[in-house]
C-alpha atoms as a PDB file:
ATOM      1  CA  MET A   1      62.233  87.759 112.112  1.00  0.00           C
ATOM      2  CA  ALA A   2      59.707  84.779 109.999  1.00  0.00           C
ATOM      3  CA  GLY A   3      61.164  83.639 106.717  1.00  0.00           C
ATOM      4  CA  LEU A   4      64.718  85.363 106.891  1.00  0.00           C
ATOM      5  CA  ASP A   5      66.806  83.646 105.277  1.00  0.00           C
ATOM      6  CA  LEU A   6      70.178  83.842 106.658  1.00  0.00           C
ATOM      7  CA  LYS A   7      73.680  83.053 104.942  1.00  0.00           C
ATOM      8  CA  PRO A   8      76.069  80.779 106.788  1.00  0.00           C
ATOM      9  CA  GLY A   9      77.599  81.818 110.124  1.00  0.00           C
ATOM     10  CA  HIS A  10      75.170  85.584 110.400  1.00  0.00           C
ATOM     11  CA  ASP A  11      73.512  83.800 113.547  1.00  0.00           C
ATOM     12  CA  GLN A  12      76.873  84.018 115.572  1.00  0.00           C
ATOM     13  CA  ALA A  13      75.526  80.476 116.217  1.00  0.00           C
ATOM     14  CA  SER A  14      79.608  78.420 116.582  1.00  0.00           C
ATOM     15  CA  TYR A  15      79.694  81.131 119.797  1.00  0.00           C
ATOM     16  CA  ALA A  16      78.430  81.653 122.588  1.00  0.00           C
ATOM     17  CA  VAL A  17      77.751  85.591 123.176  1.00  0.00           C
ATOM     18  CA  ARG A  18      77.385  87.199 120.394  1.00  0.00           C
ATOM     19  CA  CYS A  19      76.835  91.119 119.586  1.00  0.00           C
ATOM     20  CA  GLU A  20      74.254  92.037 116.117  1.00  0.00           C
ATOM     21  CA  TRP A  21      72.224  94.869 115.313  1.00  0.00           C
ATOM     22  CA  GLY A  22      68.725  96.919 115.461  1.00  0.00           C
ATOM     23  CA  PRO A  23      65.168  94.813 115.216  1.00  0.00           C
ATOM     24  CA  VAL A  24      66.184  92.355 112.249  1.00  0.00           C
ATOM     25  CA  GLY A  25      69.564  90.772 114.212  1.00  0.00           C
ATOM     26  CA  ALA A  26      67.611  91.388 117.285  1.00  0.00           C
ATOM     27  CA  THR A  27      65.490  87.960 115.573  1.00  0.00           C
ATOM     28  CA  ALA A  28      67.933  86.718 113.275  1.00  0.00           C
ATOM     29  CA  VAL A  29      70.561  86.275 116.278  1.00  0.00           C
ATOM     30  CA  PRO A  30      68.263  84.352 118.980  1.00  0.00           C
ATOM     31  CA  ALA A  31      70.098  83.099 122.245  1.00  0.00           C
ATOM     32  CA  ASP A  32      68.160  81.971 125.746  1.00  0.00           C
ATOM     33  CA  VAL A  33      69.158  85.888 126.767  1.00  0.00           C
ATOM     34  CA  ALA A  34      68.627  89.371 125.077  1.00  0.00           C
ATOM     35  CA  VAL A  35      70.534  92.023 125.997  1.00  0.00           C
ATOM     36  CA  VAL A  36      68.416  95.148 124.233  1.00  0.00           C
ATOM     37  CA  VAL A  37      70.880  98.479 124.417  1.00  0.00           C
ATOM     38  CA  ASP A  38      69.551 101.963 123.725  1.00  0.00           C
ATOM     39  CA  VAL A  39      71.911 104.165 125.689  1.00  0.00           C
ATOM     40  CA  LEU A  40      70.135 107.538 124.372  1.00  0.00           C
ATOM     41  CA  SER A  41      66.565 107.241 125.212  1.00  0.00           C
ATOM     42  CA  PHE A  42      64.567 103.873 126.115  1.00  0.00           C
ATOM     43  CA  THR A  43      67.025 101.287 127.687  1.00  0.00           C
ATOM     44  CA  THR A  44      68.677 104.391 130.069  1.00  0.00           C
ATOM     45  CA  THR A  45      64.409 105.648 131.367  1.00  0.00           C
ATOM     46  CA  VAL A  46      63.467 102.414 131.645  1.00  0.00           C
ATOM     47  CA  ALA A  47      66.985 101.762 134.377  1.00  0.00           C
ATOM     48  CA  VAL A  48      65.804 104.833 136.050  1.00  0.00           C
ATOM     49  CA  ALA A  49      61.996 104.177 136.150  1.00  0.00           C
ATOM     50  CA  VAL A  50      63.159 101.111 137.451  1.00  0.00           C
ATOM     51  CA  GLU A  51      65.511 102.238 140.527  1.00  0.00           C
ATOM     52  CA  ARG A  52      61.950 104.162 141.376  1.00  0.00           C
ATOM     53  CA  GLY A  53      60.135 101.087 141.642  1.00  0.00           C
ATOM     54  CA  ILE A  54      58.274 101.788 138.198  1.00  0.00           C
ATOM     55  CA  ASP A  55      56.925  99.197 136.439  1.00  0.00           C
ATOM     56  CA  VAL A  56      57.369  99.601 132.613  1.00  0.00           C
ATOM     57  CA  LEU A  57      55.768  98.325 129.828  1.00  0.00           C
ATOM     58  CA  PRO A  58      57.352  98.342 126.519  1.00  0.00           C
ATOM     59  CA  PHE A  59      55.548  98.579 123.503  1.00  0.00           C
ATOM     60  CA  ARG A  60      55.739  99.900 119.685  1.00  0.00           C
ATOM     61  CA  TRP A  61      56.562 103.690 118.994  1.00  0.00           C
ATOM     62  CA  ARG A  62      53.275 105.348 116.921  1.00  0.00           C
ATOM     63  CA  ASP A  63      50.935 102.399 117.558  1.00  0.00           C
ATOM     64  CA  SER A  64      47.436 103.767 117.571  1.00  0.00           C
ATOM     65  CA  ARG A  65      46.654 100.864 120.111  1.00  0.00           C
ATOM     66  CA  ALA A  66      48.921 102.822 122.847  1.00  0.00           C
ATOM     67  CA  VAL A  67      46.731 104.574 124.490  1.00  0.00           C
ATOM     68  CA  GLU A  68      44.154 101.380 125.009  1.00  0.00           C
ATOM     69  CA  HIS A  69      47.226  98.937 125.479  1.00  0.00           C
ATOM     70  CA  ALA A  70      47.841 101.824 128.775  1.00  0.00           C
ATOM     71  CA  ALA A  71      44.265 101.836 129.742  1.00  0.00           C
ATOM     72  CA  SER A  72      43.776  98.212 130.222  1.00  0.00           C
ATOM     73  CA  ARG A  73      46.640  97.786 131.966  1.00  0.00           C
ATOM     74  CA  ASP A  74      45.961 100.639 134.398  1.00  0.00           C
ATOM     75  CA  ALA A  75      49.032 102.366 133.018  1.00  0.00           C
ATOM     76  CA  LEU A  76      50.334 106.173 132.367  1.00  0.00           C
ATOM     77  CA  LEU A  77      51.102 106.157 128.517  1.00  0.00           C
ATOM     78  CA  ALA A  78      54.076 107.927 128.541  1.00  0.00           C
ATOM     79  CA  VAL A  79      55.485 110.465 125.055  1.00  0.00           C
ATOM     80  CA  GLY A  80      57.962 111.808 122.838  1.00  0.00           C
ATOM     81  CA  ARG A  81      60.550 113.924 124.341  1.00  0.00           C
ATOM     82  CA  LEU A  82      58.966 117.366 122.406  1.00  0.00           C
ATOM     83  CA  GLU A  83      55.806 116.328 123.151  1.00  0.00           C
ATOM     84  CA  ALA A  84      55.943 116.038 126.964  1.00  0.00           C
ATOM     85  CA  ARG A  85      57.144 120.098 126.789  1.00  0.00           C
ATOM     86  CA  GLU A  86      54.209 120.694 124.897  1.00  0.00           C
ATOM     87  CA  GLN A  87      51.955 119.186 128.079  1.00  0.00           C
ATOM     88  CA  ALA A  88      52.669 119.317 131.048  1.00  0.00           C
ATOM     89  CA  GLY A  89      52.584 116.459 133.490  1.00  0.00           C
ATOM     90  CA  GLN A  90      53.340 113.984 130.784  1.00  0.00           C
ATOM     91  CA  VAL A  91      56.279 110.938 131.367  1.00  0.00           C
ATOM     92  CA  SER A  92      58.217 110.963 128.034  1.00  0.00           C
ATOM     93  CA  LEU A  93      61.279 108.882 127.338  1.00  0.00           C
ATOM     94  CA  SER A  94      63.877 111.213 129.458  1.00  0.00           C
ATOM     95  CA  PRO A  95      65.526 109.806 131.847  1.00  0.00           C
ATOM     96  CA  ALA A  96      65.939 113.174 133.056  1.00  0.00           C
ATOM     97  CA  ALA A  97      62.193 113.892 133.285  1.00  0.00           C
ATOM     98  CA  MET A  98      62.218 109.924 134.518  1.00  0.00           C
ATOM     99  CA  ALA A  99      64.069 110.374 137.451  1.00  0.00           C
ATOM    100  CA  GLY A 100      61.629 113.687 138.847  1.00  0.00           C
ATOM    101  CA  VAL A 101      58.110 111.578 138.150  1.00  0.00           C
ATOM    102  CA  ARG A 102      55.937 111.311 141.158  1.00  0.00           C
ATOM    103  CA  ASP A 103      53.449 108.739 142.237  1.00  0.00           C
ATOM    104  CA  VAL A 104      53.392 107.098 139.446  1.00  0.00           C
ATOM    105  CA  GLU A 105      53.379 103.149 139.351  1.00  0.00           C
ATOM    106  CA  ARG A 106      52.952 101.981 135.842  1.00  0.00           C
ATOM    107  CA  VAL A 107      54.382 103.063 132.684  1.00  0.00           C
ATOM    108  CA  VAL A 108      54.008 102.369 129.116  1.00  0.00           C
ATOM    109  CA  LEU A 109      57.071 103.541 127.546  1.00  0.00           C
ATOM    110  CA  PRO A 110      57.007 103.357 123.125  1.00  0.00           C
ATOM    111  CA  SER A 111      60.044 104.386 121.165  1.00  0.00           C
ATOM    112  CA  PRO A 112      60.923 103.480 117.927  1.00  0.00           C
ATOM    113  CA  ASN A 113      64.415 101.648 118.738  1.00  0.00           C
ATOM    114  CA  GLY A 114      65.020 100.040 122.091  1.00  0.00           C
ATOM    115  CA  SER A 115      61.046  99.469 122.985  1.00  0.00           C
ATOM    116  CA  THR A 116      59.696  98.375 119.485  1.00  0.00           C
ATOM    117  CA  ILE A 117      63.040  95.594 119.044  1.00  0.00           C
ATOM    118  CA  THR A 118      62.464  94.460 123.250  1.00  0.00           C
ATOM    119  CA  TRP A 119      57.832  94.493 121.792  1.00  0.00           C
ATOM    120  CA  ALA A 120      59.403  91.795 118.604  1.00  0.00           C
ATOM    121  CA  LEU A 121      61.504  90.192 121.653  1.00  0.00           C
ATOM    122  CA  ALA A 122      58.858  89.741 124.026  1.00  0.00           C
ATOM    123  CA  GLY A 123      57.488  86.305 121.894  1.00  0.00           C
ATOM    124  CA  THR A 124      60.565  84.485 121.436  1.00  0.00           C
ATOM    125  CA  GLY A 125      60.796  82.590 124.613  1.00  0.00           C
ATOM    126  CA  ALA A 126      64.629  84.732 125.380  1.00  0.00           C
ATOM    127  CA  ARG A 127      65.459  86.461 128.748  1.00  0.00           C
ATOM    128  CA  VAL A 128      64.916  90.214 127.580  1.00  0.00           C
ATOM    129  CA  VAL A 129      67.280  92.871 129.489  1.00  0.00           C
ATOM    130  CA  ALA A 130      67.455  96.233 129.676  1.00  0.00           C
ATOM    131  CA  GLY A 131      71.251  97.107 129.114  1.00  0.00           C
ATOM    132  CA  SER A 132      72.911 100.779 129.555  1.00  0.00           C
ATOM    133  CA  LEU A 133      76.453 102.253 130.962  1.00  0.00           C
ATOM    134  CA  ARG A 134      74.097 103.241 133.569  1.00  0.00           C
ATOM    135  CA  ASN A 135      74.255  99.681 134.759  1.00  0.00           C
ATOM    136  CA  ALA A 136      76.664  97.701 132.535  1.00  0.00           C
ATOM    137  CA  ALA A 137      78.235  95.865 135.737  1.00  0.00           C
ATOM    138  CA  ALA A 138      74.935  95.316 137.001  1.00  0.00           C
ATOM    139  CA  VAL A 139      74.076  93.836 133.882  1.00  0.00           C
ATOM    140  CA  ALA A 140      77.361  91.402 133.579  1.00  0.00           C
ATOM    141  CA  ASP A 141      77.092  90.592 137.199  1.00  0.00           C
ATOM    142  CA  HIS A 142      73.150  89.515 137.228  1.00  0.00           C
ATOM    143  CA  LEU A 143      73.868  87.673 133.531  1.00  0.00           C
ATOM    144  CA  ALA A 144      77.809  86.058 134.680  1.00  0.00           C
ATOM    145  CA  PRO A 145      76.705  83.176 136.407  1.00  0.00           C
ATOM    146  CA  LEU A 146      74.337  82.079 133.673  1.00  0.00           C
ATOM    147  CA  LEU A 147      76.421  82.101 130.601  1.00  0.00           C
ATOM    148  CA  ARG A 148      79.191  80.478 132.353  1.00  0.00           C
ATOM    149  CA  GLY A 149      76.725  77.522 133.161  1.00  0.00           C
ATOM    150  CA  GLY A 150      75.827  77.105 129.213  1.00  0.00           C
ATOM    151  CA  ALA A 151      73.350  79.796 128.706  1.00  0.00           C
ATOM    152  CA  THR A 152      73.656  82.057 125.410  1.00  0.00           C
ATOM    153  CA  CYS A 153      73.461  85.726 124.869  1.00  0.00           C
ATOM    154  CA  VAL A 154      72.977  88.655 122.375  1.00  0.00           C
ATOM    155  CA  VAL A 155      73.728  91.938 122.765  1.00  0.00           C
ATOM    156  CA  VAL A 156      71.444  94.156 120.895  1.00  0.00           C
ATOM    157  CA  PRO A 157      72.600  97.882 120.194  1.00  0.00           C
ATOM    158  CA  ALA A 158      69.091  99.085 118.624  1.00  0.00           C
ATOM    159  CA  GLY A 159      70.411 101.773 116.771  1.00  0.00           C
ATOM    160  CA  GLU A 160      68.542 104.824 115.415  1.00  0.00           C
ATOM    161  CA  ARG A 161      66.757 105.967 111.927  1.00  0.00           C
ATOM    162  CA  TRP A 162      67.799 107.520 109.212  1.00  0.00           C
ATOM    163  CA  PRO A 163      65.199 110.019 107.585  1.00  0.00           C
ATOM    164  CA  ASP A 164      63.774 106.912 104.843  1.00  0.00           C
ATOM    165  CA  ASP A 165      63.248 104.694 108.574  1.00  0.00           C
ATOM    166  CA  THR A 166      67.086 102.853 107.310  1.00  0.00           C
ATOM    167  CA  LEU A 167      68.913 101.468 110.570  1.00  0.00           C
ATOM    168  CA  ARG A 168      71.661 104.264 111.655  1.00  0.00           C
ATOM    169  CA  PRO A 169      74.542 102.076 113.645  1.00  0.00           C
ATOM    170  CA  CYS A 170      74.787 104.277 116.584  1.00  0.00           C
ATOM    171  CA  VAL A 171      77.960 104.660 118.514  1.00  0.00           C
ATOM    172  CA  GLU A 172      76.393 105.481 121.784  1.00  0.00           C
ATOM    173  CA  ASP A 173      74.617 101.296 121.663  1.00  0.00           C
ATOM    174  CA  LEU A 174      77.625 100.796 120.128  1.00  0.00           C
ATOM    175  CA  TRP A 175      79.613 101.561 123.000  1.00  0.00           C
ATOM    176  CA  GLY A 176      76.492 100.855 125.994  1.00  0.00           C
ATOM    177  CA  ALA A 177      76.984  97.102 124.180  1.00  0.00           C
ATOM    178  CA  GLY A 178      80.962  97.465 124.810  1.00  0.00           C
ATOM    179  CA  ALA A 179      80.312  98.023 128.437  1.00  0.00           C
ATOM    180  CA  ILE A 180      78.178  95.188 129.006  1.00  0.00           C
ATOM    181  CA  LEU A 181      80.298  92.945 127.080  1.00  0.00           C
ATOM    182  CA  SER A 182      83.485  93.987 128.573  1.00  0.00           C
ATOM    183  CA  ALA A 183      82.128  93.553 131.994  1.00  0.00           C
ATOM    184  CA  LEU A 184      81.050  89.649 130.939  1.00  0.00           C
ATOM    185  CA  ALA A 185      84.962  88.517 129.878  1.00  0.00           C
ATOM    186  CA  ASP A 186      85.845  90.617 133.378  1.00  0.00           C
ATOM    187  CA  ARG A 187      83.391  87.757 135.099  1.00  0.00           C
ATOM    188  CA  GLY A 188      84.942  85.261 133.206  1.00  0.00           C
ATOM    189  CA  VAL A 189      82.276  84.317 130.628  1.00  0.00           C
ATOM    190  CA  GLU A 190      84.303  83.506 127.078  1.00  0.00           C
ATOM    191  CA  GLY A 191      82.770  82.506 124.014  1.00  0.00           C
ATOM    192  CA  LEU A 192      82.845  86.085 122.551  1.00  0.00           C
ATOM    193  CA  SER A 193      81.919  86.368 118.669  1.00  0.00           C
ATOM    194  CA  PRO A 194      84.394  88.533 116.924  1.00  0.00           C
ATOM    195  CA  GLU A 195      80.723  90.620 116.578  1.00  0.00           C
ATOM    196  CA  ALA A 196      80.679  90.977 120.254  1.00  0.00           C
ATOM    197  CA  ARG A 197      85.002  91.310 120.741  1.00  0.00           C
ATOM    198  CA  ALA A 198      84.804  94.265 118.497  1.00  0.00           C
ATOM    199  CA  ALA A 199      82.306  96.107 120.676  1.00  0.00           C
ATOM    200  CA  THR A 200      84.510  95.940 123.761  1.00  0.00           C
ATOM    201  CA  HIS A 201      87.319  96.924 122.151  1.00  0.00           C
ATOM    202  CA  ALA A 202      85.148 100.280 120.531  1.00  0.00           C
ATOM    203  CA  TRP A 203      84.400 100.729 123.753  1.00  0.00           C
ATOM    204  CA  ALA A 204      87.567 100.377 125.184  1.00  0.00           C
ATOM    205  CA  GLY A 205      88.714 102.964 123.269  1.00  0.00           C
ATOM    206  CA  ALA A 206      86.168 105.649 124.017  1.00  0.00           C
ATOM    207  CA  ARG A 207      86.183 108.776 126.277  1.00  0.00           C
ATOM    208  CA  LEU A 208      82.815 109.459 128.847  1.00  0.00           C
ATOM    209  CA  PRO A 209      81.148 111.544 129.205  1.00  0.00           C
ATOM    210  CA  VAL A 210      83.022 113.848 126.862  1.00  0.00           C
ATOM    211  CA  ASP A 211      82.782 111.897 123.847  1.00  0.00           C
ATOM    212  CA  LEU A 212      79.114 110.832 124.157  1.00  0.00           C
ATOM    213  CA  HIS A 213      78.259 114.702 124.587  1.00  0.00           C
ATOM    214  CA  ASP A 214      80.179 114.929 121.620  1.00  0.00           C
ATOM    215  CA  CYS A 215      78.555 111.867 119.271  1.00  0.00           C
ATOM    216  CA  ALA A 216      76.298 112.882 116.245  1.00  0.00           C
ATOM    217  CA  GLY A 217      73.417 111.623 119.148  1.00  0.00           C
ATOM    218  CA  GLY A 218      74.219 113.344 121.938  1.00  0.00           C
ATOM    219  CA  ARG A 219      74.617 116.818 120.117  1.00  0.00           C
ATOM    220  CA  GLU A 220      71.120 115.547 118.474  1.00  0.00           C
ATOM    221  CA  LEU A 221      69.519 116.039 121.952  1.00  0.00           C
ATOM    222  CA  ALA A 222      71.370 119.275 123.498  1.00  0.00           C
ATOM    223  CA  ALA A 223      70.368 120.831 119.995  1.00  0.00           C
ATOM    224  CA  ALA A 224      67.294 120.172 121.278  1.00  0.00           C
ATOM    225  CA  GLY A 225      67.311 121.086 124.759  1.00  0.00           C
ATOM    226  CA  PHE A 226      68.244 118.056 126.487  1.00  0.00           C
ATOM    227  CA  ALA A 227      71.387 118.060 127.196  1.00  0.00           C
ATOM    228  CA  ASP A 228      70.434 116.544 130.620  1.00  0.00           C
ATOM    229  CA  ASP A 229      69.466 112.817 129.320  1.00  0.00           C
ATOM    230  CA  VAL A 230      72.995 112.860 127.560  1.00  0.00           C
ATOM    231  CA  SER A 231      74.342 112.789 131.130  1.00  0.00           C
ATOM    232  CA  MET A 232      71.939 110.187 132.593  1.00  0.00           C
ATOM    233  CA  ALA A 233      72.920 108.112 129.879  1.00  0.00           C
ATOM    234  CA  ALA A 234      77.021 108.393 130.137  1.00  0.00           C
ATOM    235  CA  GLU A 235      77.227 107.539 134.260  1.00  0.00           C
ATOM    236  CA  VAL A 236      78.282 104.790 133.888  1.00  0.00           C
ATOM    237  CA  ASP A 237      77.358 102.058 136.671  1.00  0.00           C
ATOM    238  CA  ALA A 238      75.743 104.366 138.220  1.00  0.00           C
ATOM    239  CA  ALA A 239      72.565 102.547 138.949  1.00  0.00           C
ATOM    240  CA  ASP A 240      72.628  98.611 140.173  1.00  0.00           C
ATOM    241  CA  VAL A 241      68.841  97.725 138.981  1.00  0.00           C
ATOM    242  CA  VAL A 242      68.630  94.881 136.313  1.00  0.00           C
ATOM    243  CA  PRO A 243      65.606  95.139 134.341  1.00  0.00           C
ATOM    244  CA  VAL A 244      64.000  91.542 133.376  1.00  0.00           C
ATOM    245  CA  LEU A 245      60.606  91.564 130.918  1.00  0.00           C
ATOM    246  CA  GLU A 246      58.638  89.393 133.408  1.00  0.00           C
ATOM    247  CA  GLY A 247      55.637  88.772 130.793  1.00  0.00           C
ATOM    248  CA  GLU A 248      55.134  92.277 129.125  1.00  0.00           C
ATOM    249  CA  VAL A 249      56.515  94.508 132.311  1.00  0.00           C
ATOM    250  CA  PHE A 250      60.069  95.061 133.110  1.00  0.00           C
ATOM    251  CA  ARG A 251      60.927  94.697 136.489  1.00  0.00           C
ATOM    252  CA  ASP A 252      64.093  94.505 138.628  1.00  0.00           C
ATOM    253  CA  ALA A 253      65.558  91.023 138.586  1.00  0.00           C
ATOM    254  CA  ARG A 254      67.119  91.249 141.686  1.00  0.00           C
ATOM    255  CA  HIS A 255      63.486  91.009 143.607  1.00  0.00           C
END
């Protein structure tokens, strides 16, 4: 973030593999690779879409230019889960709904956390990757050779928002970050910061799928009628896709 006055050590620059929260953390801790993790929404939905061969274009949340942006790129504009329920045929942030989408090639997918962070990172020069529990091992397989070769990485648990719009660190994104970081360590990647190692410890203590359904975010979605989204998000390593931002589009890096 331009003009951000960081205290010594806050950028974790002494470590090759870093971890920091939310939109401010994503830009305050630069690295060659940035892995955005938004488990109960954006990055899980991106993984599901990319599995189905759909190009995903991130965009800022509640930006009035989204309609024009989607039209100019011949893409379908996704809406929030509740909006999609009221509008038949709409694509939304729901990974379960995305799994049933037919005859769609490109989607503009705004979200308040993961997509907004991705949008902010797009112009930084970092290689931006969408990570989740569904594709943690695949992301680690893709990144480990780069990191063993000297590249740096920051894993960004997106977090949620409190009603006053401040960051609410959420355990599901910590688990997602920890799953990816643990997989990197298992593949011989060294130089994890204490913040990154803390995420691996959180992941080691998680009991899935039970904990994902029982955490605050999982209960919130279930109460709103989206328990299937939680179930899909809890399918650890169910996908082998690696969504990487190419220009303004997430595509599978394996192809």
